[in-house]
Amino acid sequence: MQQIINLLIGILVLLLGFPLGSYLAKITREELSSGQKWFKLIIILSLVGGFVGLIIKDDVLMFSLFFIAIVTIQSLKR
């Protein structure tokens, strides 16, 4: 039961990354244009690290890195 609650909280936090990324894109337009290559590198490293966390079953690592990837992807979309 505890694992299900932890999983649901993690998914909720991941879903909060979408509006947060949109908000950050709105308030930091000039940084996004000058640092696009670095944002793409952050996305790749976060996704790879998130999948590593999934493989080694480290929920905190997995959810943290997927959250960073989601926020960064949303920021670059805007």
N, C-alpha and C. Protein backbone atom coordinates (compact mmCIF):
# COMPACT_ATOMS: atom_id res chain seq x y z
N MET A 1 0.82 -1.20 0.00
CA MET A 1 0.00 0.00 0.00
C MET A 1 0.86 1.26 0.00
N GLN A 2 1.96 1.21 0.75
CA GLN A 2 2.86 2.36 0.83
C GLN A 2 3.50 2.65 -0.52
N GLN A 3 3.85 1.60 -1.27
CA GLN A 3 4.46 1.80 -2.58
C GLN A 3 3.48 2.44 -3.56
N ILE A 4 2.22 2.07 -3.47
CA ILE A 4 1.21 2.66 -4.36
C ILE A 4 1.05 4.14 -4.06
N ILE A 5 1.02 4.50 -2.79
CA ILE A 5 0.90 5.91 -2.42
C ILE A 5 2.12 6.69 -2.90
N ASN A 6 3.32 6.13 -2.71
CA ASN A 6 4.54 6.80 -3.19
C ASN A 6 4.52 6.97 -4.70
N LEU A 7 4.04 5.97 -5.41
CA LEU A 7 3.96 6.05 -6.87
C LEU A 7 2.97 7.12 -7.31
N LEU A 8 1.82 7.19 -6.66
CA LEU A 8 0.82 8.21 -7.00
C LEU A 8 1.33 9.62 -6.71
N ILE A 9 2.04 9.80 -5.60
CA ILE A 9 2.62 11.11 -5.29
C ILE A 9 3.66 11.48 -6.33
N GLY A 10 4.48 10.52 -6.74
CA GLY A 10 5.49 10.78 -7.77
C GLY A 10 4.87 11.17 -9.10
N ILE A 11 3.81 10.49 -9.48
CA ILE A 11 3.12 10.83 -10.73
C ILE A 11 2.49 12.21 -10.65
N LEU A 12 1.92 12.55 -9.51
CA LEU A 12 1.34 13.88 -9.32
C LEU A 12 2.41 14.97 -9.45
N VAL A 13 3.57 14.73 -8.87
CA VAL A 13 4.66 15.70 -8.97
C VAL A 13 5.13 15.82 -10.42
N LEU A 14 5.19 14.71 -11.14
CA LEU A 14 5.58 14.77 -12.55
C LEU A 14 4.57 15.57 -13.37
N LEU A 15 3.30 15.41 -13.08
CA LEU A 15 2.27 16.17 -13.80
C LEU A 15 2.36 17.66 -13.50
N LEU A 16 2.83 18.02 -12.33
CA LEU A 16 3.01 19.43 -12.01
C LEU A 16 4.15 20.07 -12.80
N GLY A 17 5.00 19.23 -13.38
CA GLY A 17 6.11 19.74 -14.19
C GLY A 17 5.65 20.42 -15.47
N PHE A 18 4.49 20.02 -16.00
CA PHE A 18 4.00 20.63 -17.25
C PHE A 18 3.63 22.10 -17.07
N PRO A 19 2.79 22.46 -16.09
CA PRO A 19 2.49 23.89 -15.94
C PRO A 19 3.70 24.68 -15.44
N LEU A 20 4.56 24.05 -14.64
CA LEU A 20 5.74 24.76 -14.16
C LEU A 20 6.69 25.08 -15.31
N GLY A 21 6.87 24.15 -16.22
CA GLY A 21 7.73 24.40 -17.38
C GLY A 21 7.17 25.50 -18.27
N SER A 22 5.87 25.53 -18.45
CA SER A 22 5.25 26.59 -19.24
C SER A 22 5.42 27.95 -18.58
N TYR A 23 5.26 27.98 -17.27
CA TYR A 23 5.43 29.23 -16.53
C TYR A 23 6.87 29.73 -16.61
N LEU A 24 7.83 28.83 -16.43
CA LEU A 24 9.23 29.24 -16.52
C LEU A 24 9.59 29.74 -17.92
N ALA A 25 9.02 29.11 -18.95
CA ALA A 25 9.28 29.56 -20.32
C ALA A 25 8.75 30.97 -20.53
N LYS A 26 7.63 31.27 -19.90
CA LYS A 26 7.02 32.58 -20.06
C LYS A 26 7.86 33.68 -19.41
N ILE A 27 8.48 33.39 -18.27
CA ILE A 27 9.20 34.45 -17.55
C ILE A 27 10.69 34.50 -17.90
N THR A 28 11.21 33.52 -18.65
CA THR A 28 12.64 33.51 -18.97
C THR A 28 12.88 33.32 -20.46
N ARG A 29 12.25 34.10 -21.27
CA ARG A 29 12.38 33.93 -22.73
C ARG A 29 13.81 34.15 -23.23
N GLU A 30 14.50 35.15 -22.71
CA GLU A 30 15.83 35.46 -23.23
C GLU A 30 16.86 34.38 -22.89
N GLU A 31 16.73 33.74 -21.74
CA GLU A 31 17.65 32.67 -21.39
C GLU A 31 17.43 31.44 -22.25
N LEU A 32 16.19 31.19 -22.63
CA LEU A 32 15.88 30.01 -23.44
C LEU A 32 16.51 30.09 -24.82
N SER A 33 16.52 31.28 -25.41
CA SER A 33 17.06 31.39 -26.76
C SER A 33 18.58 31.25 -26.78
N SER A 34 19.25 31.75 -25.75
CA SER A 34 20.71 31.69 -25.76
C SER A 34 21.27 30.36 -25.27
N GLY A 35 20.49 29.59 -24.53
CA GLY A 35 21.02 28.36 -23.97
C GLY A 35 20.35 27.09 -24.45
N GLN A 36 19.86 27.10 -25.69
CA GLN A 36 19.11 25.94 -26.18
C GLN A 36 19.94 24.66 -26.22
N LYS A 37 21.22 24.76 -26.59
CA LYS A 37 22.03 23.54 -26.66
C LYS A 37 22.22 22.94 -25.26
N TRP A 38 22.31 23.79 -24.25
CA TRP A 38 22.47 23.29 -22.89
C TRP A 38 21.18 22.67 -22.37
N PHE A 39 20.05 23.24 -22.75
CA PHE A 39 18.76 22.68 -22.34
C PHE A 39 18.56 21.30 -22.98
N LYS A 40 18.97 21.15 -24.22
CA LYS A 40 18.86 19.85 -24.87
C LYS A 40 19.76 18.82 -24.21
N LEU A 41 20.95 19.24 -23.78
CA LEU A 41 21.84 18.34 -23.06
C LEU A 41 21.23 17.93 -21.72
N ILE A 42 20.61 18.89 -21.03
CA ILE A 42 19.95 18.58 -19.75
C ILE A 42 18.83 17.56 -19.97
N ILE A 43 18.07 17.73 -21.04
CA ILE A 43 16.97 16.79 -21.33
C ILE A 43 17.51 15.38 -21.55
N ILE A 44 18.55 15.26 -22.36
CA ILE A 44 19.11 13.94 -22.66
C ILE A 44 19.66 13.28 -21.40
N LEU A 45 20.43 14.03 -20.63
CA LEU A 45 21.02 13.47 -19.41
C LEU A 45 19.95 13.11 -18.39
N SER A 46 18.91 13.92 -18.29
CA SER A 46 17.84 13.64 -17.33
C SER A 46 17.04 12.39 -17.74
N LEU A 47 16.77 12.25 -19.02
CA LEU A 47 16.05 11.06 -19.47
C LEU A 47 16.88 9.79 -19.27
N VAL A 48 18.15 9.86 -19.60
CA VAL A 48 19.02 8.69 -19.41
C VAL A 48 19.11 8.35 -17.92
N GLY A 49 19.33 9.36 -17.08
CA GLY A 49 19.40 9.13 -15.65
C GLY A 49 18.08 8.63 -15.07
N GLY A 50 16.95 9.12 -15.60
CA GLY A 50 15.65 8.65 -15.15
C GLY A 50 15.44 7.18 -15.45
N PHE A 51 15.86 6.76 -16.63
CA PHE A 51 15.73 5.35 -16.98
C PHE A 51 16.69 4.48 -16.17
N VAL A 52 17.86 5.03 -15.84
CA VAL A 52 18.78 4.30 -14.96
C VAL A 52 18.14 4.13 -13.59
N GLY A 53 17.50 5.18 -13.09
CA GLY A 53 16.79 5.08 -11.82
C GLY A 53 15.66 4.07 -11.87
N LEU A 54 15.01 3.97 -13.01
CA LEU A 54 13.96 2.97 -13.19
C LEU A 54 14.53 1.55 -13.16
N ILE A 55 15.67 1.37 -13.81
CA ILE A 55 16.29 0.05 -13.87
C ILE A 55 16.80 -0.39 -12.49
N ILE A 56 17.41 0.54 -11.76
CA ILE A 56 17.96 0.17 -10.44
C ILE A 56 16.92 0.32 -9.33
N LYS A 57 15.71 0.69 -9.71
CA LYS A 57 14.57 0.80 -8.78
C LYS A 57 14.81 1.84 -7.69
N ASP A 58 15.35 2.99 -8.09
CA ASP A 58 15.53 4.11 -7.18
C ASP A 58 14.48 5.16 -7.54
N ASP A 59 13.37 5.15 -6.82
CA ASP A 59 12.24 6.02 -7.16
C ASP A 59 12.58 7.50 -7.07
N VAL A 60 13.34 7.89 -6.06
CA VAL A 60 13.67 9.31 -5.90
C VAL A 60 14.50 9.80 -7.07
N LEU A 61 15.49 9.05 -7.47
CA LEU A 61 16.32 9.42 -8.62
C LEU A 61 15.49 9.48 -9.89
N MET A 62 14.68 8.46 -10.10
CA MET A 62 13.86 8.38 -11.32
C MET A 62 12.90 9.56 -11.42
N PHE A 63 12.11 9.80 -10.37
CA PHE A 63 11.13 10.88 -10.42
C PHE A 63 11.79 12.25 -10.49
N SER A 64 12.91 12.43 -9.80
CA SER A 64 13.60 13.72 -9.84
C SER A 64 14.09 14.05 -11.24
N LEU A 65 14.74 13.08 -11.87
CA LEU A 65 15.29 13.34 -13.20
C LEU A 65 14.21 13.44 -14.27
N PHE A 66 13.15 12.65 -14.16
CA PHE A 66 12.04 12.80 -15.10
C PHE A 66 11.36 14.14 -14.92
N PHE A 67 11.26 14.63 -13.69
CA PHE A 67 10.67 15.95 -13.44
C PHE A 67 11.51 17.04 -14.12
N ILE A 68 12.83 16.95 -13.98
CA ILE A 68 13.71 17.93 -14.63
C ILE A 68 13.55 17.87 -16.14
N ALA A 69 13.45 16.67 -16.69
CA ALA A 69 13.28 16.52 -18.14
C ALA A 69 11.95 17.12 -18.59
N ILE A 70 10.88 16.87 -17.85
CA ILE A 70 9.56 17.40 -18.24
C ILE A 70 9.55 18.92 -18.20
N VAL A 71 10.09 19.50 -17.14
CA VAL A 71 10.10 20.96 -17.02
C VAL A 71 10.94 21.57 -18.14
N THR A 72 12.07 20.97 -18.45
CA THR A 72 12.94 21.51 -19.50
C THR A 72 12.30 21.36 -20.87
N ILE A 73 11.67 20.23 -21.14
CA ILE A 73 10.98 20.04 -22.43
C ILE A 73 9.86 21.05 -22.60
N GLN A 74 9.07 21.25 -21.55
CA GLN A 74 7.98 22.23 -21.62
C GLN A 74 8.52 23.63 -21.85
N SER A 75 9.65 23.94 -21.23
CA SER A 75 10.24 25.27 -21.41
C SER A 75 10.68 25.49 -22.85
N LEU A 76 11.25 24.46 -23.46
CA LEU A 76 11.73 24.61 -24.84
C LEU A 76 10.60 24.63 -25.85
N LYS A 77 9.46 24.05 -25.52
CA LYS A 77 8.33 24.04 -26.44
C LYS A 77 7.75 25.44 -26.63
N ARG A 78 7.83 26.26 -25.62
CA ARG A 78 7.19 27.59 -25.67
C ARG A 78 8.04 28.58 -26.41
